[in-house]
Amino acid sequence: MTKQILVLAAALILTGCVVVKDRDSNGGIERGGPPPWAPAHGHRVKQMHRYYYYPSVGVYYDLSARTYFFMSGGTWQVSATLPARVVLEASDAVTLELDTDTPYHYYEDHQKKYQKKNKKGKGRGKPFDN
C-alpha cells in the first residue's frame, strides 16, 4: 500500500508540473491598444499647429513658434521675419489648424481653397517669391 501511495504521489507531482501553453499570457485576448475611435493619449496624440495663412502673398505664420514660412528662390524658407517687400494685411489672414509642422506641403490645396477670397481686381493673387 505504501508503494501505491508513493506512485500516486509521484504521478500527481509530475502531472502538476506540466505547463501547457494553449493561450496567450494575457488570457487569449490580443491587445493592440485602444480602438481606433477612442481619443489618443500619450505618443499617439497628434500635435496640432495653428497658422495664419496669407493667400495674397502665399505666406504662413506659425503662432506658437512665431516664425514665417515663405517661398524664396523656388524653395520654402523659415524665418522669424519676412523680407521688407512683403506686406501682410491682417484682414487677409486665414486661420488654419494642421497636424504638421510643415504647412507648405499643403500650399497648393490652400491656394485653391482660399485664393478666391482675394479676387477683387487689386492685382492680388500672386504669391511672393524672390
N, C-alpha and C. Protein backbone atom coordinates (compact mmCIF):
# COMPACT_ATOMS: atom_id res chain seq x y z
N MET A 1 0.81 -1.19 0.00
CA MET A 1 0.00 0.00 0.00
C MET A 1 0.85 1.26 0.00
N THR A 2 1.94 1.21 0.70
CA THR A 2 2.83 2.35 0.73
C THR A 2 3.41 2.61 -0.65
N LYS A 3 3.66 1.51 -1.36
CA LYS A 3 4.19 1.65 -2.70
C LYS A 3 3.17 2.34 -3.61
N GLN A 4 1.90 2.00 -3.48
CA GLN A 4 0.85 2.63 -4.30
C GLN A 4 0.72 4.12 -3.97
N ILE A 5 0.83 4.47 -2.72
CA ILE A 5 0.74 5.88 -2.32
C ILE A 5 1.91 6.66 -2.90
N LEU A 6 3.11 6.09 -2.87
CA LEU A 6 4.28 6.76 -3.43
C LEU A 6 4.15 6.95 -4.94
N VAL A 7 3.66 5.94 -5.64
CA VAL A 7 3.47 6.04 -7.09
C VAL A 7 2.40 7.09 -7.40
N LEU A 8 1.32 7.08 -6.64
CA LEU A 8 0.26 8.06 -6.83
C LEU A 8 0.76 9.48 -6.55
N ALA A 9 1.52 9.66 -5.50
CA ALA A 9 2.08 10.98 -5.16
C ALA A 9 3.05 11.44 -6.25
N ALA A 10 3.89 10.54 -6.74
CA ALA A 10 4.84 10.89 -7.80
C ALA A 10 4.10 11.28 -9.07
N ALA A 11 3.05 10.53 -9.42
CA ALA A 11 2.26 10.85 -10.61
C ALA A 11 1.57 12.20 -10.47
N LEU A 12 1.06 12.48 -9.28
CA LEU A 12 0.40 13.76 -9.02
C LEU A 12 1.39 14.92 -9.14
N ILE A 13 2.56 14.75 -8.58
CA ILE A 13 3.58 15.80 -8.64
C ILE A 13 4.02 16.03 -10.08
N LEU A 14 4.24 14.95 -10.82
CA LEU A 14 4.71 15.09 -12.20
C LEU A 14 3.65 15.70 -13.12
N THR A 15 2.40 15.34 -12.94
CA THR A 15 1.35 15.92 -13.78
C THR A 15 1.06 17.36 -13.40
N GLY A 16 1.32 17.72 -12.17
CA GLY A 16 1.12 19.10 -11.73
C GLY A 16 2.19 20.04 -12.26
N CYS A 17 3.31 19.51 -12.73
CA CYS A 17 4.42 20.33 -13.23
C CYS A 17 4.35 20.55 -14.73
N VAL A 18 3.40 19.96 -15.39
CA VAL A 18 3.30 20.10 -16.84
C VAL A 18 2.69 21.46 -17.16
N VAL A 19 3.33 22.19 -18.06
CA VAL A 19 2.83 23.50 -18.49
C VAL A 19 2.35 23.38 -19.92
N VAL A 20 1.10 23.71 -20.12
CA VAL A 20 0.52 23.67 -21.45
C VAL A 20 0.21 25.11 -21.85
N LYS A 21 0.82 25.54 -22.94
CA LYS A 21 0.58 26.91 -23.39
C LYS A 21 -0.40 26.86 -24.56
N ASP A 22 -1.66 26.98 -24.23
CA ASP A 22 -2.67 26.98 -25.26
C ASP A 22 -3.27 28.37 -25.46
N ARG A 23 -2.85 29.31 -24.65
CA ARG A 23 -3.35 30.68 -24.75
C ARG A 23 -2.19 31.66 -24.64
N ASP A 24 -2.48 32.90 -25.02
CA ASP A 24 -1.51 33.96 -24.81
C ASP A 24 -1.45 34.26 -23.32
N SER A 25 -0.41 34.94 -22.91
CA SER A 25 -0.24 35.25 -21.49
C SER A 25 -1.31 36.22 -20.98
N ASN A 26 -1.97 36.92 -21.88
CA ASN A 26 -2.99 37.87 -21.46
C ASN A 26 -4.40 37.30 -21.57
N GLY A 27 -4.53 36.00 -21.50
CA GLY A 27 -5.85 35.40 -21.49
C GLY A 27 -6.43 35.13 -22.86
N GLY A 28 -5.61 35.13 -23.89
CA GLY A 28 -6.10 34.84 -25.23
C GLY A 28 -6.64 36.04 -25.97
N ILE A 29 -6.60 37.20 -25.35
CA ILE A 29 -7.09 38.41 -25.99
C ILE A 29 -5.90 39.16 -26.58
N GLU A 30 -5.99 39.46 -27.84
CA GLU A 30 -4.91 40.20 -28.48
C GLU A 30 -5.08 41.68 -28.16
N ARG A 31 -4.07 42.26 -27.57
CA ARG A 31 -4.17 43.67 -27.17
C ARG A 31 -3.27 44.51 -28.08
N GLY A 32 -3.89 45.30 -28.92
CA GLY A 32 -3.14 46.17 -29.82
C GLY A 32 -3.36 47.63 -29.49
N GLY A 33 -3.82 47.93 -28.30
CA GLY A 33 -4.09 49.31 -27.94
C GLY A 33 -5.58 49.59 -27.96
N PRO A 34 -5.94 50.83 -27.72
CA PRO A 34 -7.35 51.19 -27.71
C PRO A 34 -7.95 51.12 -29.12
N PRO A 35 -9.26 51.06 -29.20
CA PRO A 35 -9.89 51.02 -30.52
C PRO A 35 -9.64 52.32 -31.29
N PRO A 36 -9.73 52.27 -32.61
CA PRO A 36 -9.41 53.44 -33.43
C PRO A 36 -10.27 54.66 -33.11
N TRP A 37 -11.48 54.45 -32.64
CA TRP A 37 -12.37 55.59 -32.38
C TRP A 37 -12.10 56.25 -31.03
N ALA A 38 -11.29 55.63 -30.19
CA ALA A 38 -11.01 56.19 -28.87
C ALA A 38 -10.06 57.38 -28.99
N PRO A 39 -10.17 58.36 -28.09
CA PRO A 39 -9.27 59.51 -28.16
C PRO A 39 -7.83 59.08 -27.91
N ALA A 40 -6.92 59.73 -28.59
CA ALA A 40 -5.50 59.38 -28.48
C ALA A 40 -4.90 60.00 -27.22
N HIS A 41 -3.99 59.26 -26.61
CA HIS A 41 -3.27 59.73 -25.43
C HIS A 41 -1.79 59.44 -25.61
N GLY A 42 -0.95 60.16 -24.92
CA GLY A 42 0.49 59.89 -24.94
C GLY A 42 1.11 60.16 -26.29
N HIS A 43 1.93 59.23 -26.75
CA HIS A 43 2.66 59.43 -28.00
C HIS A 43 1.76 59.35 -29.23
N ARG A 44 0.52 58.85 -29.08
CA ARG A 44 -0.38 58.77 -30.22
C ARG A 44 -1.08 60.10 -30.52
N VAL A 45 -1.00 61.05 -29.60
CA VAL A 45 -1.67 62.32 -29.80
C VAL A 45 -0.96 63.09 -30.90
N LYS A 46 -1.72 63.55 -31.86
CA LYS A 46 -1.13 64.37 -32.92
C LYS A 46 -1.05 65.80 -32.41
N GLN A 47 0.11 66.38 -32.58
CA GLN A 47 0.32 67.76 -32.17
C GLN A 47 -0.32 68.67 -33.21
N MET A 48 -1.26 69.47 -32.79
CA MET A 48 -1.91 70.40 -33.71
C MET A 48 -1.16 71.72 -33.70
N HIS A 49 -0.96 72.28 -34.88
CA HIS A 49 -0.27 73.55 -35.04
C HIS A 49 -1.25 74.56 -35.62
N ARG A 50 -1.20 75.77 -35.09
CA ARG A 50 -2.07 76.84 -35.60
C ARG A 50 -1.24 77.81 -36.43
N TYR A 51 -1.79 78.15 -37.58
CA TYR A 51 -1.10 79.05 -38.51
C TYR A 51 -2.06 80.13 -38.98
N TYR A 52 -1.49 81.27 -39.34
CA TYR A 52 -2.19 82.25 -40.16
C TYR A 52 -1.64 82.04 -41.56
N TYR A 53 -2.54 81.91 -42.51
CA TYR A 53 -2.14 81.79 -43.91
C TYR A 53 -2.61 83.04 -44.62
N TYR A 54 -1.71 83.66 -45.38
CA TYR A 54 -2.00 84.87 -46.14
C TYR A 54 -2.01 84.51 -47.62
N PRO A 55 -3.20 84.26 -48.18
CA PRO A 55 -3.29 83.78 -49.56
C PRO A 55 -2.76 84.76 -50.60
N SER A 56 -2.87 86.05 -50.35
CA SER A 56 -2.45 87.01 -51.36
C SER A 56 -0.94 86.99 -51.59
N VAL A 57 -0.17 86.57 -50.60
CA VAL A 57 1.29 86.51 -50.74
C VAL A 57 1.84 85.10 -50.54
N GLY A 58 1.01 84.13 -50.21
CA GLY A 58 1.44 82.75 -50.04
C GLY A 58 2.37 82.55 -48.86
N VAL A 59 2.04 83.17 -47.73
CA VAL A 59 2.89 83.12 -46.53
C VAL A 59 2.11 82.47 -45.39
N TYR A 60 2.81 81.64 -44.60
CA TYR A 60 2.25 81.05 -43.39
C TYR A 60 2.96 81.67 -42.19
N TYR A 61 2.22 81.85 -41.10
CA TYR A 61 2.81 82.29 -39.84
C TYR A 61 2.43 81.29 -38.77
N ASP A 62 3.44 80.70 -38.12
CA ASP A 62 3.23 79.73 -37.04
C ASP A 62 3.05 80.51 -35.74
N LEU A 63 1.86 80.41 -35.15
CA LEU A 63 1.55 81.19 -33.95
C LEU A 63 2.39 80.80 -32.75
N SER A 64 2.66 79.51 -32.55
CA SER A 64 3.40 79.09 -31.36
C SER A 64 4.91 79.31 -31.51
N ALA A 65 5.45 79.05 -32.69
CA ALA A 65 6.89 79.21 -32.90
C ALA A 65 7.27 80.64 -33.32
N ARG A 66 6.26 81.43 -33.68
CA ARG A 66 6.47 82.82 -34.13
C ARG A 66 7.44 82.89 -35.31
N THR A 67 7.18 82.04 -36.28
CA THR A 67 8.01 82.01 -37.48
C THR A 67 7.14 82.07 -38.73
N TYR A 68 7.74 82.58 -39.80
CA TYR A 68 7.07 82.68 -41.09
C TYR A 68 7.61 81.60 -42.02
N PHE A 69 6.74 81.08 -42.88
CA PHE A 69 7.12 80.17 -43.95
C PHE A 69 6.77 80.89 -45.24
N PHE A 70 7.76 81.05 -46.12
CA PHE A 70 7.52 81.74 -47.38
C PHE A 70 8.43 81.16 -48.46
N MET A 71 8.00 81.32 -49.70
CA MET A 71 8.75 80.82 -50.84
C MET A 71 9.77 81.88 -51.24
N SER A 72 11.02 81.45 -51.41
CA SER A 72 12.08 82.36 -51.85
C SER A 72 13.07 81.56 -52.69
N GLY A 73 13.27 82.00 -53.91
CA GLY A 73 14.21 81.31 -54.79
C GLY A 73 13.77 79.90 -55.15
N GLY A 74 12.50 79.65 -55.14
CA GLY A 74 11.98 78.33 -55.51
C GLY A 74 11.94 77.32 -54.38
N THR A 75 12.36 77.71 -53.17
CA THR A 75 12.30 76.81 -52.02
C THR A 75 11.62 77.52 -50.86
N TRP A 76 11.05 76.73 -49.98
CA TRP A 76 10.39 77.29 -48.81
C TRP A 76 11.42 77.67 -47.76
N GLN A 77 11.27 78.85 -47.22
CA GLN A 77 12.17 79.37 -46.19
C GLN A 77 11.41 79.51 -44.88
N VAL A 78 12.13 79.41 -43.77
CA VAL A 78 11.56 79.62 -42.45
C VAL A 78 12.36 80.73 -41.80
N SER A 79 11.66 81.75 -41.30
CA SER A 79 12.35 82.90 -40.72
C SER A 79 11.47 83.56 -39.67
N ALA A 80 12.13 84.24 -38.73
CA ALA A 80 11.39 84.99 -37.71
C ALA A 80 10.86 86.30 -38.28
N THR A 81 11.43 86.75 -39.40
CA THR A 81 10.99 87.99 -40.05
C THR A 81 10.79 87.73 -41.54
N LEU A 82 10.00 88.58 -42.15
CA LEU A 82 9.77 88.50 -43.59
C LEU A 82 10.65 89.51 -44.31
N PRO A 83 10.94 89.27 -45.58
CA PRO A 83 11.63 90.30 -46.37
C PRO A 83 10.82 91.59 -46.35
N ALA A 84 11.51 92.72 -46.42
CA ALA A 84 10.85 94.03 -46.28
C ALA A 84 9.77 94.27 -47.32
N ARG A 85 9.92 93.71 -48.51
CA ARG A 85 8.94 93.99 -49.56
C ARG A 85 7.63 93.20 -49.40
N VAL A 86 7.58 92.27 -48.47
CA VAL A 86 6.35 91.51 -48.23
C VAL A 86 5.53 92.24 -47.17
N VAL A 87 4.35 92.64 -47.55
CA VAL A 87 3.46 93.35 -46.63
C VAL A 87 2.23 92.48 -46.40
N LEU A 88 1.99 92.19 -45.14
CA LEU A 88 0.83 91.37 -44.78
C LEU A 88 -0.31 92.26 -44.31
N GLU A 89 -1.50 91.89 -44.70
CA GLU A 89 -2.69 92.60 -44.23
C GLU A 89 -3.45 91.67 -43.29
N ALA A 90 -3.77 92.19 -42.12
CA ALA A 90 -4.46 91.38 -41.11
C ALA A 90 -5.79 90.84 -41.64
N SER A 91 -6.46 91.63 -42.46
CA SER A 91 -7.76 91.20 -42.99
C SER A 91 -7.61 90.05 -43.99
N ASP A 92 -6.41 89.82 -44.46
CA ASP A 92 -6.15 88.77 -45.44
C ASP A 92 -5.92 87.41 -44.78
N ALA A 93 -5.69 87.38 -43.47
CA ALA A 93 -5.30 86.15 -42.78
C ALA A 93 -6.43 85.14 -42.68
N VAL A 94 -6.06 83.88 -42.89
CA VAL A 94 -6.96 82.74 -42.71
C VAL A 94 -6.33 81.88 -41.62
N THR A 95 -7.10 81.52 -40.60
CA THR A 95 -6.56 80.69 -39.52
C THR A 95 -6.68 79.22 -39.91
N LEU A 96 -5.55 78.51 -39.81
CA LEU A 96 -5.51 77.08 -40.12
C LEU A 96 -5.06 76.31 -38.90
N GLU A 97 -5.60 75.13 -38.71
CA GLU A 97 -5.15 74.23 -37.65
C GLU A 97 -4.78 72.91 -38.33
N LEU A 98 -3.47 72.61 -38.32
CA LEU A 98 -2.96 71.44 -39.03
C LEU A 98 -2.17 70.55 -38.08
N ASP A 99 -2.07 69.27 -38.42
CA ASP A 99 -1.30 68.34 -37.59
C ASP A 99 0.11 68.14 -38.15
N THR A 100 0.67 69.18 -38.76
CA THR A 100 2.01 69.13 -39.32
C THR A 100 2.77 70.40 -38.99
N ASP A 101 4.10 70.28 -38.92
CA ASP A 101 4.91 71.46 -38.68
C ASP A 101 5.47 72.01 -40.00
N THR A 102 4.99 71.48 -41.11
CA THR A 102 5.37 71.97 -42.43
C THR A 102 4.11 72.28 -43.24
N PRO A 103 3.47 73.40 -42.98
CA PRO A 103 2.19 73.70 -43.63
C PRO A 103 2.31 73.88 -45.14
N TYR A 104 3.48 74.23 -45.61
CA TYR A 104 3.66 74.48 -47.04
C TYR A 104 3.52 73.20 -47.87
N HIS A 105 3.52 72.04 -47.25
CA HIS A 105 3.26 70.81 -48.01
C HIS A 105 1.83 70.80 -48.55
N TYR A 106 0.96 71.59 -47.96
CA TYR A 106 -0.44 71.69 -48.39
C TYR A 106 -0.71 73.01 -49.10
N TYR A 107 0.35 73.67 -49.54
CA TYR A 107 0.22 75.00 -50.15
C TYR A 107 -0.74 75.01 -51.34
N GLU A 108 -0.60 74.05 -52.24
CA GLU A 108 -1.47 74.03 -53.42
C GLU A 108 -2.94 73.90 -53.04
N ASP A 109 -3.23 73.06 -52.05
CA ASP A 109 -4.61 72.91 -51.58
C ASP A 109 -5.12 74.21 -50.98
N HIS A 110 -4.29 74.83 -50.15
CA HIS A 110 -4.69 76.09 -49.51
C HIS A 110 -4.84 77.20 -50.54
N GLN A 111 -3.97 77.22 -51.53
CA GLN A 111 -4.04 78.25 -52.56
C GLN A 111 -5.37 78.14 -53.32
N LYS A 112 -5.74 76.92 -53.68
CA LYS A 112 -7.00 76.72 -54.40
C LYS A 112 -8.20 77.09 -53.53
N LYS A 113 -8.14 76.70 -52.27
CA LYS A 113 -9.28 76.90 -51.38
C LYS A 113 -9.48 78.36 -50.99
N TYR A 114 -8.40 79.09 -50.74
CA TYR A 114 -8.51 80.44 -50.19
C TYR A 114 -8.19 81.55 -51.17
N GLN A 115 -7.76 81.24 -52.38
CA GLN A 115 -7.41 82.28 -53.34
C GLN A 115 -8.63 83.10 -53.75
N LYS A 116 -9.78 82.48 -53.81
CA LYS A 116 -11.00 83.18 -54.24
C LYS A 116 -11.34 84.34 -53.33
N LYS A 117 -10.94 84.25 -52.09
CA LYS A 117 -11.24 85.29 -51.11
C LYS A 117 -10.66 86.64 -51.53
N ASN A 118 -9.55 86.63 -52.26
CA ASN A 118 -8.85 87.87 -52.58
C ASN A 118 -8.94 88.26 -54.04
N LYS A 119 -9.85 87.71 -54.80
CA LYS A 119 -10.01 88.08 -56.21
C LYS A 119 -10.90 89.32 -56.29
N LYS A 120 -10.30 90.49 -56.07
CA LYS A 120 -11.07 91.73 -56.09
C LYS A 120 -10.54 92.71 -57.14
N GLY A 121 -9.68 92.24 -58.04
CA GLY A 121 -9.16 93.10 -59.08
C GLY A 121 -8.11 94.07 -58.58
N LYS A 122 -7.44 93.77 -57.49
CA LYS A 122 -6.43 94.67 -56.95
C LYS A 122 -5.02 94.18 -57.26
N GLY A 123 -4.89 93.32 -58.24
CA GLY A 123 -3.57 92.81 -58.59
C GLY A 123 -3.06 91.77 -57.62
N ARG A 124 -3.92 91.25 -56.79
CA ARG A 124 -3.52 90.23 -55.82
C ARG A 124 -3.62 88.85 -56.42
N GLY A 125 -3.25 87.88 -55.62
CA GLY A 125 -3.40 86.50 -56.05
C GLY A 125 -2.10 85.87 -56.47
N LYS A 126 -1.04 86.65 -56.63
CA LYS A 126 0.25 86.09 -56.99
C LYS A 126 1.09 85.99 -55.72
N PRO A 127 1.52 84.79 -55.36
CA PRO A 127 2.29 84.65 -54.14
C PRO A 127 3.66 85.30 -54.24
N PHE A 128 4.19 85.67 -53.09
CA PHE A 128 5.51 86.28 -53.00
C PHE A 128 6.56 85.26 -53.36
N ASP A 129 7.55 85.66 -54.15
CA ASP A 129 8.72 84.85 -54.44
C ASP A 129 9.84 85.79 -54.84
N ASN A 130 11.02 85.55 -54.31
CA ASN A 130 12.18 86.40 -54.61
C ASN A 130 12.56 86.33 -56.05
